[in-house]
């Protein structure tokens, strides 16, 4: 059985195409993913919900989709050749 500490996220390093890396809390990453899933990155008219990855299609709300992504994945294709990535980091005291 995996160690439960493995699933205790403290911060995420987020990599966006053409941007510097950011450190986000789990809540901030969830907000970012929710925003991206609501509207396409290329155009405000584009609807990302029409082209969801298969594992997200089973969820009925954007909030559920974003939660599932944050908790089970580490990347999301924003457009062909452009991918958002995130990684869990633990801050040592």
N, C-alpha and C. Protein backbone atom coordinates (compact mmCIF):
# COMPACT_ATOMS: atom_id res chain seq x y z
N UNK A 1 0.85 -1.18 0.00
CA UNK A 1 0.00 0.00 0.00
C UNK A 1 0.90 1.25 0.00
N UNK A 2 0.59 2.24 -0.87
CA UNK A 2 1.43 3.44 -0.93
C UNK A 2 1.33 4.27 0.35
N UNK A 3 2.40 4.98 0.63
CA UNK A 3 2.45 5.86 1.79
C UNK A 3 1.48 7.02 1.57
N UNK A 4 0.62 7.30 2.54
CA UNK A 4 -0.37 8.36 2.42
C UNK A 4 0.28 9.74 2.25
N UNK A 5 1.51 9.91 2.76
CA UNK A 5 2.19 11.19 2.60
C UNK A 5 2.45 11.53 1.14
N UNK A 6 2.54 10.50 0.30
CA UNK A 6 2.79 10.71 -1.11
C UNK A 6 1.68 11.56 -1.74
N UNK A 7 0.49 11.49 -1.17
CA UNK A 7 -0.65 12.19 -1.74
C UNK A 7 -0.94 13.52 -1.06
N UNK A 8 -0.09 13.97 -0.17
CA UNK A 8 -0.28 15.24 0.52
C UNK A 8 0.49 16.33 -0.22
N UNK A 9 -0.21 17.01 -1.13
CA UNK A 9 0.44 18.05 -1.92
C UNK A 9 0.60 19.31 -1.09
N UNK A 10 1.76 19.92 -1.21
CA UNK A 10 1.99 21.18 -0.52
C UNK A 10 1.94 22.33 -1.52
N UNK A 11 2.68 22.17 -2.61
CA UNK A 11 2.72 23.17 -3.68
C UNK A 11 2.89 22.44 -5.00
N UNK A 12 2.57 23.14 -6.08
CA UNK A 12 2.79 22.61 -7.41
C UNK A 12 3.67 23.58 -8.18
N UNK A 13 4.63 23.05 -8.93
CA UNK A 13 5.37 23.84 -9.90
C UNK A 13 4.59 23.69 -11.20
N UNK A 14 4.23 24.83 -11.80
CA UNK A 14 3.43 24.83 -13.02
C UNK A 14 4.25 25.41 -14.16
N UNK A 15 4.28 24.68 -15.27
CA UNK A 15 4.99 25.12 -16.47
C UNK A 15 3.98 25.37 -17.57
N UNK A 16 3.97 26.61 -18.07
CA UNK A 16 3.09 26.99 -19.17
C UNK A 16 3.97 27.36 -20.37
N UNK A 17 3.55 27.04 -21.58
CA UNK A 17 4.34 27.39 -22.75
C UNK A 17 4.63 28.89 -22.81
N UNK A 18 5.90 29.24 -22.99
CA UNK A 18 6.28 30.63 -23.13
C UNK A 18 6.26 31.46 -21.86
N UNK A 19 6.11 30.81 -20.71
CA UNK A 19 6.04 31.55 -19.44
C UNK A 19 7.04 30.95 -18.45
N UNK A 20 7.42 31.75 -17.47
CA UNK A 20 8.30 31.27 -16.41
C UNK A 20 7.53 30.31 -15.52
N UNK A 21 8.25 29.41 -14.86
CA UNK A 21 7.58 28.48 -13.96
C UNK A 21 6.98 29.24 -12.79
N UNK A 22 5.88 28.70 -12.29
CA UNK A 22 5.18 29.31 -11.15
C UNK A 22 5.01 28.26 -10.07
N UNK A 23 4.92 28.69 -8.83
CA UNK A 23 4.56 27.82 -7.72
C UNK A 23 3.14 28.18 -7.30
N UNK A 24 2.26 27.19 -7.31
CA UNK A 24 0.86 27.41 -6.95
C UNK A 24 0.45 26.45 -5.84
N UNK A 25 -0.48 26.90 -5.01
CA UNK A 25 -1.07 26.02 -4.02
C UNK A 25 -2.02 25.07 -4.75
N UNK A 26 -2.44 23.98 -4.10
CA UNK A 26 -3.42 23.09 -4.74
C UNK A 26 -4.70 23.83 -5.16
N UNK A 27 -5.13 24.78 -4.34
CA UNK A 27 -6.34 25.54 -4.67
C UNK A 27 -6.12 26.45 -5.88
N UNK A 28 -4.95 27.08 -5.96
CA UNK A 28 -4.64 27.95 -7.09
C UNK A 28 -4.54 27.14 -8.38
N UNK A 29 -3.94 25.95 -8.31
CA UNK A 29 -3.87 25.10 -9.50
C UNK A 29 -5.26 24.67 -9.92
N UNK A 30 -6.10 24.35 -8.97
CA UNK A 30 -7.48 23.96 -9.28
C UNK A 30 -8.20 25.11 -9.99
N UNK A 31 -8.02 26.33 -9.52
CA UNK A 31 -8.61 27.50 -10.18
C UNK A 31 -8.11 27.66 -11.60
N UNK A 32 -6.80 27.50 -11.80
CA UNK A 32 -6.20 27.64 -13.13
C UNK A 32 -6.75 26.59 -14.08
N UNK A 33 -6.83 25.33 -13.62
CA UNK A 33 -7.35 24.26 -14.46
C UNK A 33 -8.82 24.49 -14.79
N UNK A 34 -9.58 24.96 -13.82
CA UNK A 34 -11.00 25.24 -14.05
C UNK A 34 -11.16 26.31 -15.12
N UNK A 35 -10.37 27.36 -15.03
CA UNK A 35 -10.42 28.44 -16.01
C UNK A 35 -10.07 27.93 -17.41
N UNK A 36 -9.04 27.12 -17.51
CA UNK A 36 -8.61 26.59 -18.80
C UNK A 36 -9.67 25.66 -19.39
N UNK A 37 -10.30 24.86 -18.55
CA UNK A 37 -11.32 23.93 -19.04
C UNK A 37 -12.59 24.64 -19.46
N UNK A 38 -12.85 25.81 -18.88
CA UNK A 38 -14.07 26.56 -19.24
C UNK A 38 -13.99 27.17 -20.63
N UNK A 39 -12.84 27.74 -20.94
CA UNK A 39 -12.68 28.45 -22.22
C UNK A 39 -11.39 27.98 -22.87
N UNK A 40 -11.41 27.84 -24.16
CA UNK A 40 -10.20 27.44 -24.89
C UNK A 40 -9.12 28.48 -24.77
N UNK A 41 -7.87 28.04 -24.80
CA UNK A 41 -6.74 28.95 -24.66
C UNK A 41 -6.51 29.78 -25.91
N UNK A 42 -6.80 29.23 -27.09
CA UNK A 42 -6.49 29.92 -28.34
C UNK A 42 -7.48 31.05 -28.64
N UNK A 43 -8.72 30.87 -28.26
CA UNK A 43 -9.74 31.86 -28.61
C UNK A 43 -10.87 31.81 -27.60
N UNK A 44 -11.41 32.96 -27.20
CA UNK A 44 -12.53 32.95 -26.25
C UNK A 44 -13.76 32.25 -26.82
N UNK A 45 -13.84 32.15 -28.14
CA UNK A 45 -15.00 31.51 -28.77
C UNK A 45 -14.86 29.99 -28.73
N UNK A 46 -13.62 29.51 -28.75
CA UNK A 46 -13.36 28.06 -28.74
C UNK A 46 -13.83 27.48 -27.41
N UNK A 47 -14.50 26.35 -27.47
CA UNK A 47 -14.99 25.70 -26.26
C UNK A 47 -14.22 24.41 -26.04
N UNK A 48 -13.38 24.37 -25.02
CA UNK A 48 -12.56 23.20 -24.72
C UNK A 48 -13.42 21.99 -24.37
N UNK A 49 -14.64 22.20 -23.93
CA UNK A 49 -15.49 21.09 -23.56
C UNK A 49 -15.85 20.20 -24.76
N UNK A 50 -15.71 20.72 -25.97
CA UNK A 50 -16.00 19.92 -27.16
C UNK A 50 -14.88 18.96 -27.51
N UNK A 51 -13.70 19.14 -26.90
CA UNK A 51 -12.54 18.33 -27.24
C UNK A 51 -11.78 17.90 -25.99
N UNK A 52 -12.51 17.35 -25.03
CA UNK A 52 -11.90 16.91 -23.77
C UNK A 52 -11.17 15.59 -23.92
N UNK A 53 -10.10 15.38 -23.14
CA UNK A 53 -9.51 14.05 -23.09
C UNK A 53 -10.56 13.04 -22.61
N UNK A 54 -10.44 11.82 -23.08
CA UNK A 54 -11.45 10.78 -22.80
C UNK A 54 -11.75 10.61 -21.31
N UNK A 55 -10.72 10.63 -20.46
CA UNK A 55 -10.95 10.39 -19.03
C UNK A 55 -11.73 11.52 -18.36
N UNK A 56 -11.79 12.70 -18.97
CA UNK A 56 -12.55 13.81 -18.38
C UNK A 56 -13.99 13.86 -18.87
N UNK A 57 -14.29 13.17 -19.95
CA UNK A 57 -15.63 13.23 -20.54
C UNK A 57 -16.70 12.64 -19.63
N UNK A 58 -16.32 11.81 -18.69
CA UNK A 58 -17.31 11.18 -17.81
C UNK A 58 -17.80 12.10 -16.69
N UNK A 59 -17.13 13.23 -16.49
CA UNK A 59 -17.53 14.16 -15.43
C UNK A 59 -18.49 15.19 -15.99
N UNK A 60 -19.51 15.51 -15.21
CA UNK A 60 -20.56 16.41 -15.72
C UNK A 60 -20.28 17.89 -15.47
N UNK A 61 -19.35 18.21 -14.56
CA UNK A 61 -19.06 19.62 -14.29
C UNK A 61 -17.59 19.92 -14.52
N UNK A 62 -17.31 21.17 -14.82
CA UNK A 62 -15.93 21.62 -15.01
C UNK A 62 -15.15 21.47 -13.70
N UNK A 63 -15.79 21.73 -12.58
CA UNK A 63 -15.12 21.60 -11.27
C UNK A 63 -14.65 20.17 -11.05
N UNK A 64 -15.48 19.19 -11.38
CA UNK A 64 -15.10 17.79 -11.23
C UNK A 64 -13.95 17.43 -12.19
N UNK A 65 -14.01 17.96 -13.39
CA UNK A 65 -12.97 17.71 -14.38
C UNK A 65 -11.62 18.26 -13.88
N UNK A 66 -11.64 19.49 -13.38
CA UNK A 66 -10.41 20.13 -12.90
C UNK A 66 -9.85 19.37 -11.70
N UNK A 67 -10.70 18.96 -10.79
CA UNK A 67 -10.27 18.20 -9.60
C UNK A 67 -9.61 16.89 -10.03
N UNK A 68 -10.26 16.19 -10.96
CA UNK A 68 -9.71 14.92 -11.44
C UNK A 68 -8.34 15.13 -12.10
N UNK A 69 -8.23 16.15 -12.93
CA UNK A 69 -6.96 16.46 -13.59
C UNK A 69 -5.86 16.73 -12.56
N UNK A 70 -6.15 17.62 -11.61
CA UNK A 70 -5.15 17.97 -10.61
C UNK A 70 -4.69 16.75 -9.82
N UNK A 71 -5.63 15.88 -9.49
CA UNK A 71 -5.32 14.76 -8.60
C UNK A 71 -4.75 13.53 -9.31
N UNK A 72 -4.92 13.44 -10.62
CA UNK A 72 -4.51 12.20 -11.30
C UNK A 72 -3.58 12.40 -12.49
N UNK A 73 -3.34 13.62 -12.91
CA UNK A 73 -2.52 13.85 -14.10
C UNK A 73 -1.41 14.85 -13.78
N UNK A 74 -0.58 15.12 -14.78
CA UNK A 74 0.46 16.12 -14.59
C UNK A 74 0.62 16.98 -15.83
N UNK A 75 -0.28 16.83 -16.81
CA UNK A 75 -0.21 17.69 -17.98
C UNK A 75 -1.55 17.77 -18.68
N UNK A 76 -1.71 18.84 -19.46
CA UNK A 76 -2.91 19.05 -20.26
C UNK A 76 -2.49 19.75 -21.54
N UNK A 77 -2.87 19.18 -22.67
CA UNK A 77 -2.55 19.80 -23.96
C UNK A 77 -3.46 21.01 -24.14
N UNK A 78 -2.86 22.18 -24.31
CA UNK A 78 -3.61 23.42 -24.48
C UNK A 78 -3.97 23.63 -25.95
N UNK A 79 -3.05 23.29 -26.83
CA UNK A 79 -3.24 23.34 -28.27
C UNK A 79 -2.17 22.42 -28.86
N UNK A 80 -2.28 22.07 -30.13
CA UNK A 80 -1.27 21.16 -30.69
C UNK A 80 0.15 21.69 -30.47
N UNK A 81 0.98 20.88 -29.81
CA UNK A 81 2.35 21.25 -29.55
C UNK A 81 2.58 22.11 -28.32
N UNK A 82 1.52 22.49 -27.61
CA UNK A 82 1.64 23.29 -26.40
C UNK A 82 0.95 22.59 -25.24
N UNK A 83 1.74 22.28 -24.22
CA UNK A 83 1.23 21.52 -23.08
C UNK A 83 1.53 22.23 -21.78
N UNK A 84 0.54 22.28 -20.92
CA UNK A 84 0.71 22.76 -19.56
C UNK A 84 1.11 21.56 -18.71
N UNK A 85 2.11 21.74 -17.84
CA UNK A 85 2.54 20.66 -16.96
C UNK A 85 2.59 21.15 -15.52
N UNK A 86 2.35 20.23 -14.57
CA UNK A 86 2.45 20.58 -13.15
C UNK A 86 3.02 19.40 -12.39
N UNK A 87 3.78 19.74 -11.33
CA UNK A 87 4.46 18.73 -10.52
C UNK A 87 4.32 19.10 -9.06
N UNK A 88 4.08 18.10 -8.23
CA UNK A 88 3.98 18.30 -6.78
C UNK A 88 5.38 18.54 -6.22
N UNK A 89 5.48 19.52 -5.33
CA UNK A 89 6.72 19.75 -4.59
C UNK A 89 6.36 19.91 -3.11
N UNK A 90 7.23 19.45 -2.28
CA UNK A 90 7.05 19.60 -0.84
C UNK A 90 8.11 20.57 -0.34
N UNK A 91 7.71 21.52 0.42
CA UNK A 91 8.64 22.52 0.94
C UNK A 91 9.17 22.06 2.28
N UNK A 92 10.47 21.99 2.41
CA UNK A 92 11.10 21.57 3.66
C UNK A 92 11.24 22.77 4.58
N UNK A 93 11.07 22.53 5.87
CA UNK A 93 11.21 23.60 6.85
C UNK A 93 12.55 23.49 7.52
